[in-house]
Amino acid sequence: MAPGRSFSDFAASVARAAGKPATFALSLIVIVLWAVSGPFFHYSDTWQLIINTGTTIITFLMVFLIQNTQNRDGAAIQAKLDELIRASAAQNVYIGIEHLTEEELDSLRACCEARARAARAADAAQEAANVKAERAAASAAGR
């Protein structure tokens, strides 16, 4: 197994485990046990340092593991969307737009919004023409 693959598998399994209710419950139990042990250690600096250090280390490591999982999930979704665009009547120009700059994406979004407004206006005009034609047909039939 490739080293990158084993890390990906590890990161995915940790991210799945971190999101389970049992993991939350276990974390809560650890915090409660730590809080209950405070009087036995006279709420010392060492007692506080234990929870601060533990949570900092776990948080630091989890950031990287969860980010790895999110990056892979995002890339997989992007690949699926690209394939749907490629295989459909949609414009292939949208494949790979995730690599554009923020300004380029804003410009593309503005163009899409303008086309959507124009399509809505055309649909409204077509609907008005259909209603007018139906009224004319009903009027002609009523004579």
C-alpha atoms as a PDB file:
ATOM      1  CA  MET A   1       0.000   0.000   0.000  1.00  0.00           C
ATOM      2  CA  ALA A   2       1.307   3.453  -0.911  1.00  0.00           C
ATOM      3  CA  PRO A   3       2.196   5.787   1.978  1.00  0.00           C
ATOM      4  CA  GLY A   4      -0.249   8.435   0.720  1.00  0.00           C
ATOM      5  CA  ARG A   5      -3.027   5.893   0.572  1.00  0.00           C
ATOM      6  CA  SER A   6      -2.438   4.662   4.094  1.00  0.00           C
ATOM      7  CA  PHE A   7      -2.502   8.233   5.428  1.00  0.00           C
ATOM      8  CA  SER A   8      -5.719   8.911   3.501  1.00  0.00           C
ATOM      9  CA  ASP A   9      -7.304   5.779   4.920  1.00  0.00           C
ATOM     10  CA  PHE A  10      -6.134   6.703   8.419  1.00  0.00           C
ATOM     11  CA  ALA A  11      -7.401  10.293   8.086  1.00  0.00           C
ATOM     12  CA  ALA A  12     -10.777   9.113   6.779  1.00  0.00           C
ATOM     13  CA  SER A  13     -11.222   6.596   9.595  1.00  0.00           C
ATOM     14  CA  VAL A  14     -10.248   9.156  12.260  1.00  0.00           C
ATOM     15  CA  ALA A  15     -12.616  11.746  10.759  1.00  0.00           C
ATOM     16  CA  ARG A  16     -15.450   9.189  10.739  1.00  0.00           C
ATOM     17  CA  ALA A  17     -14.713   8.184  14.325  1.00  0.00           C
ATOM     18  CA  ALA A  18     -14.483  11.810  15.470  1.00  0.00           C
ATOM     19  CA  GLY A  19     -17.992  12.468  14.204  1.00  0.00           C
ATOM     20  CA  LYS A  20     -19.652   9.633  16.111  1.00  0.00           C
ATOM     21  CA  PRO A  21     -21.792  10.232  19.206  1.00  0.00           C
ATOM     22  CA  ALA A  22     -19.703   7.716  21.168  1.00  0.00           C
ATOM     23  CA  THR A  23     -16.582   9.819  20.550  1.00  0.00           C
ATOM     24  CA  PHE A  24     -18.353  12.902  21.842  1.00  0.00           C
ATOM     25  CA  ALA A  25     -19.553  10.980  24.896  1.00  0.00           C
ATOM     26  CA  LEU A  26     -16.030   9.691  25.574  1.00  0.00           C
ATOM     27  CA  SER A  27     -14.642  13.226  25.309  1.00  0.00           C
ATOM     28  CA  LEU A  28     -17.312  14.488  27.658  1.00  0.00           C
ATOM     29  CA  ILE A  29     -16.483  11.739  30.168  1.00  0.00           C
ATOM     30  CA  VAL A  30     -12.787  12.662  30.041  1.00  0.00           C
ATOM     31  CA  ILE A  31     -13.640  16.328  30.708  1.00  0.00           C
ATOM     32  CA  VAL A  32     -15.951  15.403  33.602  1.00  0.00           C
ATOM     33  CA  LEU A  33     -13.308  13.108  35.124  1.00  0.00           C
ATOM     34  CA  TRP A  34     -10.732  15.869  34.794  1.00  0.00           C
ATOM     35  CA  ALA A  35     -13.080  18.403  36.434  1.00  0.00           C
ATOM     36  CA  VAL A  36     -13.971  15.994  39.270  1.00  0.00           C
ATOM     37  CA  SER A  37     -10.268  15.348  39.923  1.00  0.00           C
ATOM     38  CA  GLY A  38      -9.643  19.068  40.480  1.00  0.00           C
ATOM     39  CA  PRO A  39     -10.137  19.056  44.260  1.00  0.00           C
ATOM     40  CA  PHE A  40      -7.774  16.086  44.647  1.00  0.00           C
ATOM     41  CA  PHE A  41      -5.026  18.054  42.891  1.00  0.00           C
ATOM     42  CA  HIS A  42      -5.993  21.342  44.568  1.00  0.00           C
ATOM     43  CA  TYR A  43      -6.757  22.829  41.144  1.00  0.00           C
ATOM     44  CA  SER A  44      -3.008  23.137  40.587  1.00  0.00           C
ATOM     45  CA  ASP A  45      -1.284  24.575  37.552  1.00  0.00           C
ATOM     46  CA  THR A  46      -0.245  21.061  36.560  1.00  0.00           C
ATOM     47  CA  TRP A  47      -3.864  19.897  36.742  1.00  0.00           C
ATOM     48  CA  GLN A  48      -4.888  22.732  34.394  1.00  0.00           C
ATOM     49  CA  LEU A  49      -1.890  22.170  32.142  1.00  0.00           C
ATOM     50  CA  ILE A  50      -2.881  18.541  31.583  1.00  0.00           C
ATOM     51  CA  ILE A  51      -6.250  19.406  30.006  1.00  0.00           C
ATOM     52  CA  ASN A  52      -4.882  22.416  28.127  1.00  0.00           C
ATOM     53  CA  THR A  53      -2.020  20.443  26.621  1.00  0.00           C
ATOM     54  CA  GLY A  54      -4.167  17.419  25.800  1.00  0.00           C
ATOM     55  CA  THR A  55      -6.902  19.397  24.071  1.00  0.00           C
ATOM     56  CA  THR A  56      -4.380  21.533  22.186  1.00  0.00           C
ATOM     57  CA  ILE A  57      -2.511  18.518  20.829  1.00  0.00           C
ATOM     58  CA  ILE A  58      -5.696  16.702  19.842  1.00  0.00           C
ATOM     59  CA  THR A  59      -7.133  19.806  18.182  1.00  0.00           C
ATOM     60  CA  PHE A  60      -3.889  20.498  16.322  1.00  0.00           C
ATOM     61  CA  LEU A  61      -3.714  16.968  14.907  1.00  0.00           C
ATOM     62  CA  MET A  62      -7.442  16.786  14.115  1.00  0.00           C
ATOM     63  CA  VAL A  63      -7.251  19.957  12.014  1.00  0.00           C
ATOM     64  CA  PHE A  64      -4.858  18.274   9.601  1.00  0.00           C
ATOM     65  CA  LEU A  65      -6.686  14.952   9.514  1.00  0.00           C
ATOM     66  CA  ILE A  66     -10.088  16.521   8.919  1.00  0.00           C
ATOM     67  CA  GLN A  67      -8.660  18.943   6.343  1.00  0.00           C
ATOM     68  CA  ASN A  68      -7.184  16.002   4.444  1.00  0.00           C
ATOM     69  CA  THR A  69     -10.572  14.299   4.423  1.00  0.00           C
ATOM     70  CA  GLN A  70     -12.328  17.496   3.338  1.00  0.00           C
ATOM     71  CA  ASN A  71      -9.817  18.070   0.530  1.00  0.00           C
ATOM     72  CA  ARG A  72     -10.370  14.571  -0.838  1.00  0.00           C
ATOM     73  CA  ASP A  73     -14.152  14.862  -0.534  1.00  0.00           C
ATOM     74  CA  GLY A  74     -14.083  18.220  -2.308  1.00  0.00           C
ATOM     75  CA  ALA A  75     -11.890  16.884  -5.102  1.00  0.00           C
ATOM     76  CA  ALA A  76     -14.159  13.843  -5.549  1.00  0.00           C
ATOM     77  CA  ILE A  77     -17.279  16.013  -5.727  1.00  0.00           C
ATOM     78  CA  GLN A  78     -15.561  18.340  -8.200  1.00  0.00           C
ATOM     79  CA  ALA A  79     -14.582  15.387 -10.399  1.00  0.00           C
ATOM     80  CA  LYS A  80     -18.173  14.116 -10.334  1.00  0.00           C
ATOM     81  CA  LEU A  81     -19.539  17.540 -11.251  1.00  0.00           C
ATOM     82  CA  ASP A  82     -16.993  17.867 -14.053  1.00  0.00           C
ATOM     83  CA  GLU A  83     -18.068  14.497 -15.436  1.00  0.00           C
ATOM     84  CA  LEU A  84     -21.746  15.482 -15.272  1.00  0.00           C
ATOM     85  CA  ILE A  85     -20.980  18.708 -17.131  1.00  0.00           C
ATOM     86  CA  ARG A  86     -18.885  16.877 -19.715  1.00  0.00           C
ATOM     87  CA  ALA A  87     -21.526  14.225 -20.313  1.00  0.00           C
ATOM     88  CA  SER A  88     -24.482  16.629 -20.469  1.00  0.00           C
ATOM     89  CA  ALA A  89     -25.549  19.469 -22.709  1.00  0.00           C
ATOM     90  CA  ALA A  90     -23.980  21.939 -20.249  1.00  0.00           C
ATOM     91  CA  GLN A  91     -21.084  24.075 -21.378  1.00  0.00           C
ATOM     92  CA  ASN A  92     -17.732  22.342 -20.948  1.00  0.00           C
ATOM     93  CA  VAL A  93     -16.183  25.739 -20.237  1.00  0.00           C
ATOM     94  CA  TYR A  94     -17.246  25.256 -16.595  1.00  0.00           C
ATOM     95  CA  ILE A  95     -14.962  22.253 -16.101  1.00  0.00           C
ATOM     96  CA  GLY A  96     -12.001  23.280 -13.971  1.00  0.00           C
ATOM     97  CA  ILE A  97     -13.340  26.667 -12.871  1.00  0.00           C
ATOM     98  CA  GLU A  98     -12.314  25.891  -9.292  1.00  0.00           C
ATOM     99  CA  HIS A  99      -8.803  26.901 -10.379  1.00  0.00           C
ATOM    100  CA  LEU A 100      -9.843  30.438 -11.396  1.00  0.00           C
ATOM    101  CA  THR A 101      -9.030  33.510  -9.329  1.00  0.00           C
ATOM    102  CA  GLU A 102     -11.700  35.095  -7.145  1.00  0.00           C
ATOM    103  CA  GLU A 103     -12.124  37.929  -9.670  1.00  0.00           C
ATOM    104  CA  GLU A 104     -12.528  35.478 -12.569  1.00  0.00           C
ATOM    105  CA  LEU A 105     -15.130  33.515 -10.585  1.00  0.00           C
ATOM    106  CA  ASP A 106     -16.996  36.737  -9.736  1.00  0.00           C
ATOM    107  CA  SER A 107     -17.072  37.657 -13.430  1.00  0.00           C
ATOM    108  CA  LEU A 108     -18.278  34.189 -14.412  1.00  0.00           C
ATOM    109  CA  ARG A 109     -20.942  34.281 -11.680  1.00  0.00           C
ATOM    110  CA  ALA A 110     -22.132  37.691 -12.930  1.00  0.00           C
ATOM    111  CA  CYS A 111     -22.434  36.302 -16.482  1.00  0.00           C
ATOM    112  CA  CYS A 112     -24.417  33.310 -15.221  1.00  0.00           C
ATOM    113  CA  GLU A 113     -26.733  35.569 -13.229  1.00  0.00           C
ATOM    114  CA  ALA A 114     -27.276  37.802 -16.268  1.00  0.00           C
ATOM    115  CA  ARG A 115     -28.121  34.761 -18.424  1.00  0.00           C
ATOM    116  CA  ALA A 116     -30.513  33.508 -15.722  1.00  0.00           C
ATOM    117  CA  ARG A 117     -32.276  36.906 -15.604  1.00  0.00           C
ATOM    118  CA  ALA A 118     -32.534  36.939 -19.405  1.00  0.00           C
ATOM    119  CA  ALA A 119     -33.916  33.381 -19.394  1.00  0.00           C
ATOM    120  CA  ARG A 120     -36.505  34.333 -16.755  1.00  0.00           C
ATOM    121  CA  ALA A 121     -37.515  37.370 -18.797  1.00  0.00           C
ATOM    122  CA  ALA A 122     -37.816  35.241 -21.937  1.00  0.00           C
ATOM    123  CA  ASP A 123     -39.889  32.678 -20.030  1.00  0.00           C
ATOM    124  CA  ALA A 124     -42.165  35.433 -18.717  1.00  0.00           C
ATOM    125  CA  ALA A 125     -42.573  36.868 -22.226  1.00  0.00           C
ATOM    126  CA  GLN A 126     -43.357  33.399 -23.595  1.00  0.00           C
ATOM    127  CA  GLU A 127     -45.903  32.813 -20.811  1.00  0.00           C
ATOM    128  CA  ALA A 128     -47.568  36.159 -21.557  1.00  0.00           C
ATOM    129  CA  ALA A 129     -47.725  35.267 -25.265  1.00  0.00           C
ATOM    130  CA  ASN A 130     -49.235  31.869 -24.411  1.00  0.00           C
ATOM    131  CA  VAL A 131     -51.903  33.469 -22.196  1.00  0.00           C
ATOM    132  CA  LYS A 132     -52.715  35.981 -24.940  1.00  0.00           C
ATOM    133  CA  ALA A 133     -52.990  33.198 -27.532  1.00  0.00           C
ATOM    134  CA  GLU A 134     -55.239  31.136 -25.234  1.00  0.00           C
ATOM    135  CA  ARG A 135     -57.519  34.121 -24.674  1.00  0.00           C
ATOM    136  CA  ALA A 136     -57.687  34.792 -28.385  1.00  0.00           C
ATOM    137  CA  ALA A 137     -58.506  31.134 -29.087  1.00  0.00           C
ATOM    138  CA  ALA A 138     -61.172  31.126 -26.370  1.00  0.00           C
ATOM    139  CA  SER A 139     -62.642  34.351 -27.731  1.00  0.00           C
ATOM    140  CA  ALA A 140     -62.726  32.949 -31.279  1.00  0.00           C
ATOM    141  CA  ALA A 141     -64.327  29.720 -30.063  1.00  0.00           C
ATOM    142  CA  GLY A 142     -67.008  31.665 -28.163  1.00  0.00           C
ATOM    143  CA  ARG A 143     -68.264  33.561 -31.226  1.00  0.00           C
END
